[in-house]
Amino acid sequence: MRDQSRVHASLERRKIKGVQWEDISFDQAVAFLRTITGFSHYVSPAALRVVGATPKVTLQLDGASMSTTLDLLTKSAGLCWRVRGGVVIIDARAEGR
């Protein structure tokens, strides 16, 4: 539980500037977030089925928290995210939060 609280707090505190994603792949967006946060991210097979083979993401934010960015990214794709064991898990809505 401590890992989850630590990760959630970090994602809420950390702000990103200048997100200008224009038709980038969902994988590229997740890779960017993984690099910025330093946390492991896992995209479930169920989430991959929902988004399809080559989903595109368009998102423009400035100064939003990482948790808000994750919320917008996942909700726009019909997905959700949660933290478990210090890992950010992106999943189909029925499986996550």
N, C-alpha and C. Protein backbone atom coordinates (compact mmCIF):
# COMPACT_ATOMS: atom_id res chain seq x y z
N MET A 1 0.82 -1.19 0.00
CA MET A 1 0.00 0.00 0.00
C MET A 1 0.86 1.26 0.00
N ARG A 2 2.03 1.19 0.66
CA ARG A 2 2.91 2.36 0.70
C ARG A 2 3.40 2.71 -0.69
N ASP A 3 3.75 1.67 -1.49
CA ASP A 3 4.20 1.93 -2.86
C ASP A 3 3.11 2.66 -3.65
N GLN A 4 1.88 2.20 -3.49
CA GLN A 4 0.77 2.82 -4.21
C GLN A 4 0.61 4.28 -3.81
N SER A 5 0.64 4.55 -2.52
CA SER A 5 0.49 5.93 -2.04
C SER A 5 1.65 6.80 -2.52
N ARG A 6 2.86 6.26 -2.49
CA ARG A 6 4.04 7.00 -2.93
C ARG A 6 3.94 7.34 -4.41
N VAL A 7 3.55 6.36 -5.22
CA VAL A 7 3.43 6.59 -6.66
C VAL A 7 2.32 7.59 -6.95
N HIS A 8 1.16 7.42 -6.32
CA HIS A 8 0.05 8.36 -6.54
C HIS A 8 0.45 9.79 -6.16
N ALA A 9 1.11 9.94 -5.02
CA ALA A 9 1.53 11.28 -4.58
C ALA A 9 2.52 11.88 -5.56
N SER A 10 3.44 11.08 -6.04
CA SER A 10 4.43 11.56 -7.01
C SER A 10 3.77 11.96 -8.32
N LEU A 11 2.81 11.17 -8.78
CA LEU A 11 2.12 11.48 -10.03
C LEU A 11 1.28 12.75 -9.91
N GLU A 12 0.77 13.01 -8.73
CA GLU A 12 -0.02 14.23 -8.52
C GLU A 12 0.88 15.46 -8.41
N ARG A 13 2.03 15.31 -7.78
CA ARG A 13 2.96 16.44 -7.61
C ARG A 13 3.66 16.82 -8.90
N ARG A 14 4.04 15.82 -9.67
CA ARG A 14 4.86 16.08 -10.86
C ARG A 14 4.01 16.68 -11.97
N LYS A 15 4.44 17.84 -12.44
CA LYS A 15 3.75 18.54 -13.53
C LYS A 15 4.58 18.43 -14.80
N ILE A 16 3.91 18.33 -15.92
CA ILE A 16 4.64 18.32 -17.19
C ILE A 16 4.23 19.53 -18.00
N LYS A 17 5.22 20.09 -18.62
CA LYS A 17 5.00 21.28 -19.44
C LYS A 17 5.07 20.91 -20.92
N GLY A 18 4.23 21.54 -21.68
CA GLY A 18 4.34 21.45 -23.13
C GLY A 18 4.04 20.11 -23.75
N VAL A 19 3.01 19.41 -23.27
CA VAL A 19 2.59 18.18 -23.95
C VAL A 19 1.87 18.61 -25.22
N GLN A 20 2.45 18.32 -26.35
CA GLN A 20 1.88 18.67 -27.66
C GLN A 20 1.85 17.41 -28.52
N TRP A 21 0.99 16.49 -28.17
CA TRP A 21 0.90 15.23 -28.90
C TRP A 21 -0.12 15.40 -30.01
N GLU A 22 0.32 15.21 -31.21
CA GLU A 22 -0.55 15.32 -32.39
C GLU A 22 -0.48 14.01 -33.16
N ASP A 23 -1.51 13.19 -33.03
CA ASP A 23 -1.58 11.90 -33.73
C ASP A 23 -0.36 11.02 -33.48
N ILE A 24 0.09 10.94 -32.21
CA ILE A 24 1.17 10.01 -31.89
C ILE A 24 0.54 8.69 -31.48
N SER A 25 1.30 7.63 -31.53
CA SER A 25 0.75 6.32 -31.16
C SER A 25 0.56 6.25 -29.64
N PHE A 26 -0.38 5.43 -29.23
CA PHE A 26 -0.63 5.21 -27.81
C PHE A 26 0.65 4.72 -27.15
N ASP A 27 1.38 3.83 -27.82
CA ASP A 27 2.65 3.31 -27.29
C ASP A 27 3.66 4.43 -27.05
N GLN A 28 3.73 5.39 -27.97
CA GLN A 28 4.66 6.51 -27.81
C GLN A 28 4.28 7.36 -26.60
N ALA A 29 2.99 7.57 -26.41
CA ALA A 29 2.53 8.36 -25.26
C ALA A 29 2.90 7.66 -23.95
N VAL A 30 2.67 6.35 -23.88
CA VAL A 30 3.01 5.60 -22.67
C VAL A 30 4.52 5.60 -22.45
N ALA A 31 5.30 5.44 -23.51
CA ALA A 31 6.76 5.47 -23.40
C ALA A 31 7.24 6.82 -22.87
N PHE A 32 6.63 7.90 -23.34
CA PHE A 32 6.98 9.24 -22.86
C PHE A 32 6.71 9.34 -21.36
N LEU A 33 5.53 8.90 -20.93
CA LEU A 33 5.18 8.97 -19.51
C LEU A 33 6.10 8.10 -18.67
N ARG A 34 6.46 6.94 -19.19
CA ARG A 34 7.38 6.05 -18.49
C ARG A 34 8.73 6.75 -18.28
N THR A 35 9.21 7.41 -19.32
CA THR A 35 10.50 8.11 -19.25
C THR A 35 10.43 9.27 -18.26
N ILE A 36 9.38 10.04 -18.32
CA ILE A 36 9.23 11.22 -17.45
C ILE A 36 9.09 10.82 -15.98
N THR A 37 8.28 9.80 -15.70
CA THR A 37 8.02 9.44 -14.30
C THR A 37 9.09 8.55 -13.70
N GLY A 38 9.72 7.73 -14.53
CA GLY A 38 10.67 6.77 -14.00
C GLY A 38 9.99 5.54 -13.41
N PHE A 39 8.66 5.50 -13.45
CA PHE A 39 7.92 4.35 -12.94
C PHE A 39 7.67 3.35 -14.06
N SER A 40 7.57 2.10 -13.68
CA SER A 40 7.20 1.08 -14.66
C SER A 40 5.74 1.26 -15.03
N HIS A 41 5.44 1.07 -16.30
CA HIS A 41 4.07 1.13 -16.80
C HIS A 41 3.78 -0.20 -17.50
N TYR A 42 2.59 -0.72 -17.27
CA TYR A 42 2.18 -1.96 -17.90
C TYR A 42 0.84 -1.71 -18.60
N VAL A 43 0.77 -2.06 -19.86
CA VAL A 43 -0.48 -1.96 -20.62
C VAL A 43 -1.01 -3.38 -20.79
N SER A 44 -2.17 -3.65 -20.22
CA SER A 44 -2.72 -5.01 -20.24
C SER A 44 -3.15 -5.43 -21.64
N PRO A 45 -3.20 -6.74 -21.88
CA PRO A 45 -3.73 -7.23 -23.16
C PRO A 45 -5.17 -6.75 -23.41
N ALA A 46 -5.97 -6.66 -22.35
CA ALA A 46 -7.35 -6.18 -22.50
C ALA A 46 -7.35 -4.73 -22.99
N ALA A 47 -6.45 -3.91 -22.47
CA ALA A 47 -6.35 -2.51 -22.91
C ALA A 47 -5.92 -2.45 -24.37
N LEU A 48 -4.98 -3.29 -24.75
CA LEU A 48 -4.52 -3.30 -26.14
C LEU A 48 -5.64 -3.70 -27.09
N ARG A 49 -6.51 -4.61 -26.65
CA ARG A 49 -7.65 -4.99 -27.49
C ARG A 49 -8.61 -3.81 -27.66
N VAL A 50 -8.79 -3.03 -26.60
CA VAL A 50 -9.69 -1.88 -26.66
C VAL A 50 -9.16 -0.82 -27.61
N VAL A 51 -7.86 -0.51 -27.51
CA VAL A 51 -7.31 0.58 -28.33
C VAL A 51 -6.97 0.14 -29.74
N GLY A 52 -6.86 -1.15 -29.98
CA GLY A 52 -6.54 -1.62 -31.32
C GLY A 52 -5.05 -1.59 -31.60
N ALA A 53 -4.69 -1.91 -32.82
CA ALA A 53 -3.28 -2.09 -33.18
C ALA A 53 -2.50 -0.78 -33.19
N THR A 54 -3.05 0.27 -33.77
CA THR A 54 -2.29 1.52 -33.89
C THR A 54 -3.14 2.73 -33.53
N PRO A 55 -3.53 2.83 -32.26
CA PRO A 55 -4.33 3.97 -31.85
C PRO A 55 -3.51 5.25 -31.90
N LYS A 56 -4.16 6.35 -32.20
CA LYS A 56 -3.49 7.65 -32.25
C LYS A 56 -4.00 8.53 -31.11
N VAL A 57 -3.09 9.33 -30.57
CA VAL A 57 -3.40 10.20 -29.44
C VAL A 57 -3.12 11.64 -29.83
N THR A 58 -4.06 12.52 -29.53
CA THR A 58 -3.85 13.96 -29.67
C THR A 58 -4.19 14.58 -28.32
N LEU A 59 -3.22 15.24 -27.72
CA LEU A 59 -3.40 15.82 -26.40
C LEU A 59 -2.49 17.03 -26.27
N GLN A 60 -3.04 18.13 -25.82
CA GLN A 60 -2.25 19.35 -25.63
C GLN A 60 -2.50 19.87 -24.23
N LEU A 61 -1.44 19.81 -23.40
CA LEU A 61 -1.53 20.24 -22.01
C LEU A 61 -0.28 21.02 -21.64
N ASP A 62 -0.40 21.89 -20.66
CA ASP A 62 0.77 22.60 -20.17
C ASP A 62 0.64 22.77 -18.66
N GLY A 63 1.51 22.12 -17.92
CA GLY A 63 1.50 22.23 -16.47
C GLY A 63 0.53 21.31 -15.77
N ALA A 64 -0.02 20.33 -16.48
CA ALA A 64 -0.94 19.37 -15.86
C ALA A 64 -0.13 18.35 -15.06
N SER A 65 -0.74 17.81 -14.02
CA SER A 65 -0.07 16.77 -13.25
C SER A 65 0.00 15.49 -14.08
N MET A 66 0.92 14.62 -13.69
CA MET A 66 1.04 13.34 -14.38
C MET A 66 -0.24 12.53 -14.22
N SER A 67 -0.87 12.60 -13.05
CA SER A 67 -2.11 11.83 -12.86
C SER A 67 -3.22 12.36 -13.76
N THR A 68 -3.31 13.67 -13.93
CA THR A 68 -4.30 14.24 -14.84
C THR A 68 -4.01 13.83 -16.27
N THR A 69 -2.75 13.85 -16.65
CA THR A 69 -2.36 13.44 -18.00
C THR A 69 -2.73 11.98 -18.23
N LEU A 70 -2.46 11.12 -17.25
CA LEU A 70 -2.86 9.71 -17.36
C LEU A 70 -4.37 9.57 -17.45
N ASP A 71 -5.10 10.34 -16.64
CA ASP A 71 -6.57 10.30 -16.70
C ASP A 71 -7.07 10.62 -18.10
N LEU A 72 -6.57 11.71 -18.66
CA LEU A 72 -7.03 12.15 -19.98
C LEU A 72 -6.62 11.17 -21.08
N LEU A 73 -5.39 10.68 -21.00
CA LEU A 73 -4.91 9.72 -21.99
C LEU A 73 -5.75 8.45 -21.98
N THR A 74 -5.97 7.90 -20.80
CA THR A 74 -6.69 6.63 -20.72
C THR A 74 -8.18 6.80 -21.01
N LYS A 75 -8.80 7.84 -20.47
CA LYS A 75 -10.24 8.03 -20.71
C LYS A 75 -10.54 8.29 -22.18
N SER A 76 -9.65 9.01 -22.86
CA SER A 76 -9.89 9.28 -24.28
C SER A 76 -9.82 8.01 -25.12
N ALA A 77 -9.14 6.99 -24.59
CA ALA A 77 -9.02 5.72 -25.30
C ALA A 77 -9.99 4.67 -24.77
N GLY A 78 -10.86 5.07 -23.83
CA GLY A 78 -11.80 4.11 -23.24
C GLY A 78 -11.15 3.17 -22.25
N LEU A 79 -10.07 3.64 -21.62
CA LEU A 79 -9.31 2.83 -20.68
C LEU A 79 -9.30 3.48 -19.30
N CYS A 80 -8.58 2.88 -18.38
CA CYS A 80 -8.39 3.43 -17.05
C CYS A 80 -6.99 3.07 -16.58
N TRP A 81 -6.59 3.60 -15.44
CA TRP A 81 -5.28 3.25 -14.90
C TRP A 81 -5.38 3.12 -13.38
N ARG A 82 -4.43 2.40 -12.84
CA ARG A 82 -4.33 2.23 -11.39
C ARG A 82 -2.87 1.94 -11.06
N VAL A 83 -2.55 1.97 -9.79
CA VAL A 83 -1.19 1.66 -9.34
C VAL A 83 -1.27 0.40 -8.50
N ARG A 84 -0.37 -0.52 -8.78
CA ARG A 84 -0.31 -1.75 -7.99
C ARG A 84 1.16 -2.14 -7.85
N GLY A 85 1.61 -2.26 -6.63
CA GLY A 85 2.99 -2.66 -6.38
C GLY A 85 4.01 -1.69 -6.97
N GLY A 86 3.66 -0.42 -7.03
CA GLY A 86 4.56 0.58 -7.58
C GLY A 86 4.58 0.67 -9.09
N VAL A 87 3.70 -0.10 -9.75
CA VAL A 87 3.62 -0.12 -11.22
C VAL A 87 2.33 0.57 -11.65
N VAL A 88 2.44 1.45 -12.65
CA VAL A 88 1.25 2.08 -13.24
C VAL A 88 0.68 1.09 -14.25
N ILE A 89 -0.55 0.66 -14.02
CA ILE A 89 -1.19 -0.33 -14.88
C ILE A 89 -2.30 0.35 -15.68
N ILE A 90 -2.22 0.23 -16.99
CA ILE A 90 -3.25 0.76 -17.88
C ILE A 90 -4.08 -0.42 -18.34
N ASP A 91 -5.39 -0.32 -18.14
CA ASP A 91 -6.25 -1.48 -18.36
C ASP A 91 -7.59 -1.07 -18.97
N ALA A 92 -8.35 -2.08 -19.36
CA ALA A 92 -9.72 -1.85 -19.82
C ALA A 92 -10.54 -1.35 -18.64
N ARG A 93 -11.57 -0.57 -18.89
CA ARG A 93 -12.33 0.07 -17.81
C ARG A 93 -12.86 -0.89 -16.76
N ALA A 94 -13.35 -2.04 -17.15
CA ALA A 94 -13.92 -2.99 -16.19
C ALA A 94 -12.86 -3.51 -15.21
N GLU A 95 -11.58 -3.43 -15.61
CA GLU A 95 -10.51 -3.98 -14.79
C GLU A 95 -9.86 -2.96 -13.85
N GLY A 96 -9.95 -1.68 -14.16
CA GLY A 96 -9.22 -0.66 -13.39
C GLY A 96 -10.14 0.30 -12.68
N ARG A 97 -9.64 1.54 -12.53
CA ARG A 97 -10.44 2.53 -11.79
C ARG A 97 -11.19 3.45 -12.70
